[in-house]
Amino acid sequence: MTDRTMLLELDEDDFRSIQEAIACRQLYRVMPDGGGNMQGRIVAEICRGFLELKDVLGEDSSESWKNT
């Protein structure tokens, strides 16, 4: 598998939120092995977690995750 690069342009608040989520996720549990750098793997894990939560809550409740 080839590693991919993603360039994000963020304002200061978004950057700070992503950094906070990365730091929080690192403390939560061990990261699986994989390609790419650690930050990329953590962002992917955060996205997977969001999608899993969305599936659990159901298609019609895509905004309800904010209330958990």
PDB file of N, CA and C in Angstrom:
ATOM      1  N   MET A   1       0.837  -1.175   0.000  1.00  0.00           N
ATOM      2  CA  MET A   1       0.000   0.000   0.000  1.00  0.00           C
ATOM      3  C   MET A   1       0.882   1.239   0.000  1.00  0.00           C
ATOM      4  N   THR A   2       0.508   2.228  -0.760  1.00  0.00           N
ATOM      5  CA  THR A   2       1.267   3.468  -0.863  1.00  0.00           C
ATOM      6  C   THR A   2       0.741   4.486   0.136  1.00  0.00           C
ATOM      7  N   ASP A   3       1.637   5.139   0.866  1.00  0.00           N
ATOM      8  CA  ASP A   3       1.219   6.213   1.766  1.00  0.00           C
ATOM      9  C   ASP A   3       0.741   7.394   0.941  1.00  0.00           C
ATOM     10  N   ARG A   4      -0.268   8.072   1.420  1.00  0.00           N
ATOM     11  CA  ARG A   4      -0.842   9.229   0.734  1.00  0.00           C
ATOM     12  C   ARG A   4      -0.609  10.469   1.596  1.00  0.00           C
ATOM     13  N   THR A   5      -0.558  11.622   0.959  1.00  0.00           N
ATOM     14  CA  THR A   5      -0.386  12.883   1.656  1.00  0.00           C
ATOM     15  C   THR A   5      -1.642  13.719   1.493  1.00  0.00           C
ATOM     16  N   MET A   6      -2.071  14.345   2.605  1.00  0.00           N
ATOM     17  CA  MET A   6      -3.221  15.234   2.579  1.00  0.00           C
ATOM     18  C   MET A   6      -2.782  16.568   3.171  1.00  0.00           C
ATOM     19  N   LEU A   7      -3.037  17.636   2.452  1.00  0.00           N
ATOM     20  CA  LEU A   7      -2.694  18.974   2.918  1.00  0.00           C
ATOM     21  C   LEU A   7      -3.979  19.669   3.343  1.00  0.00           C
ATOM     22  N   LEU A   8      -4.021  20.125   4.591  1.00  0.00           N
ATOM     23  CA  LEU A   8      -5.189  20.815   5.116  1.00  0.00           C
ATOM     24  C   LEU A   8      -4.846  22.270   5.381  1.00  0.00           C
ATOM     25  N   GLU A   9      -5.728  23.176   5.004  1.00  0.00           N
ATOM     26  CA  GLU A   9      -5.571  24.583   5.347  1.00  0.00           C
ATOM     27  C   GLU A   9      -6.597  24.893   6.418  1.00  0.00           C
ATOM     28  N   LEU A  10      -6.120  25.264   7.607  1.00  0.00           N
ATOM     29  CA  LEU A  10      -6.980  25.422   8.767  1.00  0.00           C
ATOM     30  C   LEU A  10      -6.819  26.797   9.387  1.00  0.00           C
ATOM     31  N   ASP A  11      -7.913  27.285   9.982  1.00  0.00           N
ATOM     32  CA  ASP A  11      -7.752  28.484  10.799  1.00  0.00           C
ATOM     33  C   ASP A  11      -7.222  28.044  12.160  1.00  0.00           C
ATOM     34  N   GLU A  12      -6.900  28.982  13.003  1.00  0.00           N
ATOM     35  CA  GLU A  12      -6.257  28.676  14.283  1.00  0.00           C
ATOM     36  C   GLU A  12      -7.141  27.807  15.174  1.00  0.00           C
ATOM     37  N   ASP A  13      -8.440  28.086  15.213  1.00  0.00           N
ATOM     38  CA  ASP A  13      -9.350  27.291  16.052  1.00  0.00           C
ATOM     39  C   ASP A  13      -9.430  25.842  15.583  1.00  0.00           C
ATOM     40  N   ASP A  14      -9.540  25.628  14.270  1.00  0.00           N
ATOM     41  CA  ASP A  14      -9.597  24.266  13.743  1.00  0.00           C
ATOM     42  C   ASP A  14      -8.291  23.518  14.002  1.00  0.00           C
ATOM     43  N   PHE A  15      -7.170  24.202  13.803  1.00  0.00           N
ATOM     44  CA  PHE A  15      -5.871  23.587  14.056  1.00  0.00           C
ATOM     45  C   PHE A  15      -5.755  23.162  15.521  1.00  0.00           C
ATOM     46  N   ARG A  16      -6.151  24.053  16.415  1.00  0.00           N
ATOM     47  CA  ARG A  16      -6.082  23.761  17.845  1.00  0.00           C
ATOM     48  C   ARG A  16      -6.994  22.580  18.204  1.00  0.00           C
ATOM     49  N   SER A  17      -8.188  22.530  17.605  1.00  0.00           N
ATOM     50  CA  SER A  17      -9.115  21.425  17.875  1.00  0.00           C
ATOM     51  C   SER A  17      -8.552  20.093  17.399  1.00  0.00           C
ATOM     52  N   ILE A  18      -7.940  20.081  16.242  1.00  0.00           N
ATOM     53  CA  ILE A  18      -7.353  18.846  15.715  1.00  0.00           C
ATOM     54  C   ILE A  18      -6.182  18.406  16.586  1.00  0.00           C
ATOM     55  N   GLN A  19      -5.338  19.340  16.991  1.00  0.00           N
ATOM     56  CA  GLN A  19      -4.213  19.004  17.860  1.00  0.00           C
ATOM     57  C   GLN A  19      -4.711  18.443  19.194  1.00  0.00           C
ATOM     58  N   GLU A  20      -5.770  19.032  19.736  1.00  0.00           N
ATOM     59  CA  GLU A  20      -6.339  18.557  20.999  1.00  0.00           C
ATOM     60  C   GLU A  20      -6.909  17.147  20.834  1.00  0.00           C
ATOM     61  N   ALA A  21      -7.603  16.904  19.712  1.00  0.00           N
ATOM     62  CA  ALA A  21      -8.163  15.574  19.459  1.00  0.00           C
ATOM     63  C   ALA A  21      -7.056  14.533  19.289  1.00  0.00           C
ATOM     64  N   ILE A  22      -5.977  14.897  18.613  1.00  0.00           N
ATOM     65  CA  ILE A  22      -4.847  13.984  18.445  1.00  0.00           C
ATOM     66  C   ILE A  22      -4.236  13.645  19.800  1.00  0.00           C
ATOM     67  N   ALA A  23      -4.022  14.657  20.634  1.00  0.00           N
ATOM     68  CA  ALA A  23      -3.434  14.420  21.963  1.00  0.00           C
ATOM     69  C   ALA A  23      -4.353  13.542  22.804  1.00  0.00           C
ATOM     70  N   CYS A  24      -5.642  13.799  22.749  1.00  0.00           N
ATOM     71  CA  CYS A  24      -6.608  13.019  23.518  1.00  0.00           C
ATOM     72  C   CYS A  24      -6.635  11.571  23.037  1.00  0.00           C
ATOM     73  N   ARG A  25      -6.634  11.371  21.737  1.00  0.00           N
ATOM     74  CA  ARG A  25      -6.696  10.021  21.164  1.00  0.00           C
ATOM     75  C   ARG A  25      -5.448   9.221  21.505  1.00  0.00           C
ATOM     76  N   GLN A  26      -4.297   9.869  21.574  1.00  0.00           N
ATOM     77  CA  GLN A  26      -3.062   9.180  21.932  1.00  0.00           C
ATOM     78  C   GLN A  26      -3.136   8.626  23.349  1.00  0.00           C
ATOM     79  N   LEU A  27      -3.841   9.307  24.232  1.00  0.00           N
ATOM     80  CA  LEU A  27      -3.959   8.861  25.617  1.00  0.00           C
ATOM     81  C   LEU A  27      -5.006   7.762  25.780  1.00  0.00           C
ATOM     82  N   TYR A  28      -5.928   7.687  24.840  1.00  0.00           N
ATOM     83  CA  TYR A  28      -7.091   6.817  24.970  1.00  0.00           C
ATOM     84  C   TYR A  28      -6.756   5.335  24.879  1.00  0.00           C
ATOM     85  N   ARG A  29      -6.010   4.935  23.870  1.00  0.00           N
ATOM     86  CA  ARG A  29      -5.634   3.532  23.711  1.00  0.00           C
ATOM     87  C   ARG A  29      -4.467   3.407  22.737  1.00  0.00           C
ATOM     88  N   VAL A  30      -3.915   2.220  22.665  1.00  0.00           N
ATOM     89  CA  VAL A  30      -2.756   1.962  21.811  1.00  0.00           C
ATOM     90  C   VAL A  30      -3.162   2.096  20.349  1.00  0.00           C
ATOM     91  N   MET A  31      -2.281   2.673  19.565  1.00  0.00           N
ATOM     92  CA  MET A  31      -2.538   2.833  18.136  1.00  0.00           C
ATOM     93  C   MET A  31      -2.158   1.559  17.390  1.00  0.00           C
ATOM     94  N   PRO A  32      -2.981   1.180  16.412  1.00  0.00           N
ATOM     95  CA  PRO A  32      -2.618   0.026  15.591  1.00  0.00           C
ATOM     96  C   PRO A  32      -1.437   0.365  14.685  1.00  0.00           C
ATOM     97  N   ASP A  33      -0.710  -0.669  14.283  1.00  0.00           N
ATOM     98  CA  ASP A  33       0.384  -0.474  13.335  1.00  0.00           C
ATOM     99  C   ASP A  33      -0.200  -0.092  11.987  1.00  0.00           C
ATOM    100  N   GLY A  34       0.592   0.616  11.217  1.00  0.00           N
ATOM    101  CA  GLY A  34       0.142   0.985   9.879  1.00  0.00           C
ATOM    102  C   GLY A  34       1.154   1.888   9.225  1.00  0.00           C
ATOM    103  N   GLY A  35       0.836   2.287   8.011  1.00  0.00           N
ATOM    104  CA  GLY A  35       1.706   3.184   7.268  1.00  0.00           C
ATOM    105  C   GLY A  35       1.455   4.625   7.657  1.00  0.00           C
ATOM    106  N   GLY A  36       2.151   5.515   7.019  1.00  0.00           N
ATOM    107  CA  GLY A  36       1.990   6.930   7.300  1.00  0.00           C
ATOM    108  C   GLY A  36       2.631   7.322   8.619  1.00  0.00           C
ATOM    109  N   ASN A  37       2.508   8.609   8.944  1.00  0.00           N
ATOM    110  CA  ASN A  37       3.080   9.067  10.210  1.00  0.00           C
ATOM    111  C   ASN A  37       2.042   8.929  11.323  1.00  0.00           C
ATOM    112  N   MET A  38       2.473   9.110  12.543  1.00  0.00           N
ATOM    113  CA  MET A  38       1.600   8.909  13.703  1.00  0.00           C
ATOM    114  C   MET A  38       0.394   9.842  13.664  1.00  0.00           C
ATOM    115  N   GLN A  39       0.594  11.111  13.324  1.00  0.00           N
ATOM    116  CA  GLN A  39      -0.523  12.049  13.293  1.00  0.00           C
ATOM    117  C   GLN A  39      -1.572  11.619  12.265  1.00  0.00           C
ATOM    118  N   GLY A  40      -1.132  11.152  11.121  1.00  0.00           N
ATOM    119  CA  GLY A  40      -2.063  10.689  10.091  1.00  0.00           C
ATOM    120  C   GLY A  40      -2.856   9.479  10.557  1.00  0.00           C
ATOM    121  N   ARG A  41      -2.187   8.544  11.231  1.00  0.00           N
ATOM    122  CA  ARG A  41      -2.882   7.357  11.733  1.00  0.00           C
ATOM    123  C   ARG A  41      -3.887   7.728  12.801  1.00  0.00           C
ATOM    124  N   ILE A  42      -3.527   8.693  13.648  1.00  0.00           N
ATOM    125  CA  ILE A  42      -4.449   9.111  14.703  1.00  0.00           C
ATOM    126  C   ILE A  42      -5.671   9.804  14.105  1.00  0.00           C
ATOM    127  N   VAL A  43      -5.475  10.696  13.144  1.00  0.00           N
ATOM    128  CA  VAL A  43      -6.614  11.363  12.499  1.00  0.00           C
ATOM    129  C   VAL A  43      -7.518  10.326  11.833  1.00  0.00           C
ATOM    130  N   ALA A  44      -6.938   9.325  11.194  1.00  0.00           N
ATOM    131  CA  ALA A  44      -7.738   8.267  10.575  1.00  0.00           C
ATOM    132  C   ALA A  44      -8.529   7.499  11.629  1.00  0.00           C
ATOM    133  N   GLU A  45      -7.925   7.214  12.780  1.00  0.00           N
ATOM    134  CA  GLU A  45      -8.630   6.518  13.861  1.00  0.00           C
ATOM    135  C   GLU A  45      -9.778   7.369  14.409  1.00  0.00           C
ATOM    136  N   ILE A  46      -9.565   8.667  14.525  1.00  0.00           N
ATOM    137  CA  ILE A  46     -10.627   9.568  14.978  1.00  0.00           C
ATOM    138  C   ILE A  46     -11.779   9.544  13.976  1.00  0.00           C
ATOM    139  N   CYS A  47     -11.461   9.579  12.691  1.00  0.00           N
ATOM    140  CA  CYS A  47     -12.502   9.526  11.656  1.00  0.00           C
ATOM    141  C   CYS A  47     -13.250   8.195  11.690  1.00  0.00           C
ATOM    142  N   ARG A  48     -12.527   7.099  11.853  1.00  0.00           N
ATOM    143  CA  ARG A  48     -13.186   5.789  11.951  1.00  0.00           C
ATOM    144  C   ARG A  48     -14.110   5.732  13.160  1.00  0.00           C
ATOM    145  N   GLY A  49     -13.663   6.287  14.273  1.00  0.00           N
ATOM    146  CA  GLY A  49     -14.498   6.325  15.469  1.00  0.00           C
ATOM    147  C   GLY A  49     -15.762   7.130  15.248  1.00  0.00           C
ATOM    148  N   PHE A  50     -15.643   8.253  14.557  1.00  0.00           N
ATOM    149  CA  PHE A  50     -16.814   9.063  14.240  1.00  0.00           C
ATOM    150  C   PHE A  50     -17.789   8.273  13.377  1.00  0.00           C
ATOM    151  N   LEU A  51     -17.278   7.591  12.357  1.00  0.00           N
ATOM    152  CA  LEU A  51     -18.150   6.817  11.471  1.00  0.00           C
ATOM    153  C   LEU A  51     -18.819   5.661  12.210  1.00  0.00           C
ATOM    154  N   GLU A  52     -18.101   5.017  13.114  1.00  0.00           N
ATOM    155  CA  GLU A  52     -18.699   3.947  13.916  1.00  0.00           C
ATOM    156  C   GLU A  52     -19.818   4.494  14.797  1.00  0.00           C
ATOM    157  N   LEU A  53     -19.579   5.646  15.415  1.00  0.00           N
ATOM    158  CA  LEU A  53     -20.596   6.267  16.252  1.00  0.00           C
ATOM    159  C   LEU A  53     -21.818   6.645  15.424  1.00  0.00           C
ATOM    160  N   LYS A  54     -21.583   7.166  14.239  1.00  0.00           N
ATOM    161  CA  LYS A  54     -22.674   7.521  13.336  1.00  0.00           C
ATOM    162  C   LYS A  54     -23.509   6.289  13.005  1.00  0.00           C
ATOM    163  N   ASP A  55     -22.858   5.165  12.745  1.00  0.00           N
ATOM    164  CA  ASP A  55     -23.577   3.922  12.461  1.00  0.00           C
ATOM    165  C   ASP A  55     -24.404   3.471  13.658  1.00  0.00           C
ATOM    166  N   VAL A  56     -23.842   3.588  14.845  1.00  0.00           N
ATOM    167  CA  VAL A  56     -24.552   3.172  16.059  1.00  0.00           C
ATOM    168  C   VAL A  56     -25.781   4.054  16.282  1.00  0.00           C
ATOM    169  N   LEU A  57     -25.626   5.353  16.055  1.00  0.00           N
ATOM    170  CA  LEU A  57     -26.735   6.282  16.285  1.00  0.00           C
ATOM    171  C   LEU A  57     -27.776   6.240  15.178  1.00  0.00           C
ATOM    172  N   GLY A  58     -27.399   5.752  14.015  1.00  0.00           N
ATOM    173  CA  GLY A  58     -28.327   5.655  12.895  1.00  0.00           C
ATOM    174  C   GLY A  58     -28.143   6.780  11.900  1.00  0.00           C
ATOM    175  N   GLU A  59     -28.556   6.521  10.683  1.00  0.00           N
ATOM    176  CA  GLU A  59     -28.398   7.468   9.580  1.00  0.00           C
ATOM    177  C   GLU A  59     -29.102   8.800   9.841  1.00  0.00           C
ATOM    178  N   ASP A  60     -30.285   8.770  10.445  1.00  0.00           N
ATOM    179  CA  ASP A  60     -31.072   9.985  10.633  1.00  0.00           C
ATOM    180  C   ASP A  60     -30.596  10.852  11.777  1.00  0.00           C
ATOM    181  N   SER A  61     -29.648  10.375  12.562  1.00  0.00           N
ATOM    182  CA  SER A  61     -29.208  11.132  13.730  1.00  0.00           C
ATOM    183  C   SER A  61     -27.766  11.592  13.584  1.00  0.00           C
ATOM    184  N   SER A  62     -27.392  12.046  12.400  1.00  0.00           N
ATOM    185  CA  SER A  62     -25.997  12.412  12.149  1.00  0.00           C
ATOM    186  C   SER A  62     -25.522  13.572  13.018  1.00  0.00           C
ATOM    187  N   GLU A  63     -26.425  14.398  13.519  1.00  0.00           N
ATOM    188  CA  GLU A  63     -26.026  15.510  14.380  1.00  0.00           C
ATOM    189  C   GLU A  63     -26.132  15.157  15.865  1.00  0.00           C
ATOM    190  N   SER A  64     -26.775  14.054  16.211  1.00  0.00           N
ATOM    191  CA  SER A  64     -26.998  13.743  17.617  1.00  0.00           C
ATOM    192  C   SER A  64     -25.716  13.373  18.355  1.00  0.00           C
ATOM    193  N   TRP A  65     -24.643  13.028  17.637  1.00  0.00           N
ATOM    194  CA  TRP A  65     -23.386  12.699  18.291  1.00  0.00           C
ATOM    195  C   TRP A  65     -22.863  13.877  19.099  1.00  0.00           C
ATOM    196  N   LYS A  66     -23.269  15.092  18.718  1.00  0.00           N
ATOM    197  CA  LYS A  66     -22.798  16.273  19.435  1.00  0.00           C
ATOM    198  C   LYS A  66     -23.351  16.325  20.848  1.00  0.00           C
ATOM    199  N   ASN A  67     -24.445  15.616  21.101  1.00  0.00           N
ATOM    200  CA  ASN A  67     -25.089  15.641  22.411  1.00  0.00           C
ATOM    201  C   ASN A  67     -24.626  14.542  23.332  1.00  0.00           C
ATOM    202  N   THR A  68     -23.671  13.699  22.881  1.00  0.00           N
ATOM    203  CA  THR A  68     -23.212  12.591  23.721  1.00  0.00           C
ATOM    204  C   THR A  68     -22.011  12.995  24.527  1.00  0.00           C
TER     205      THR A  68
END
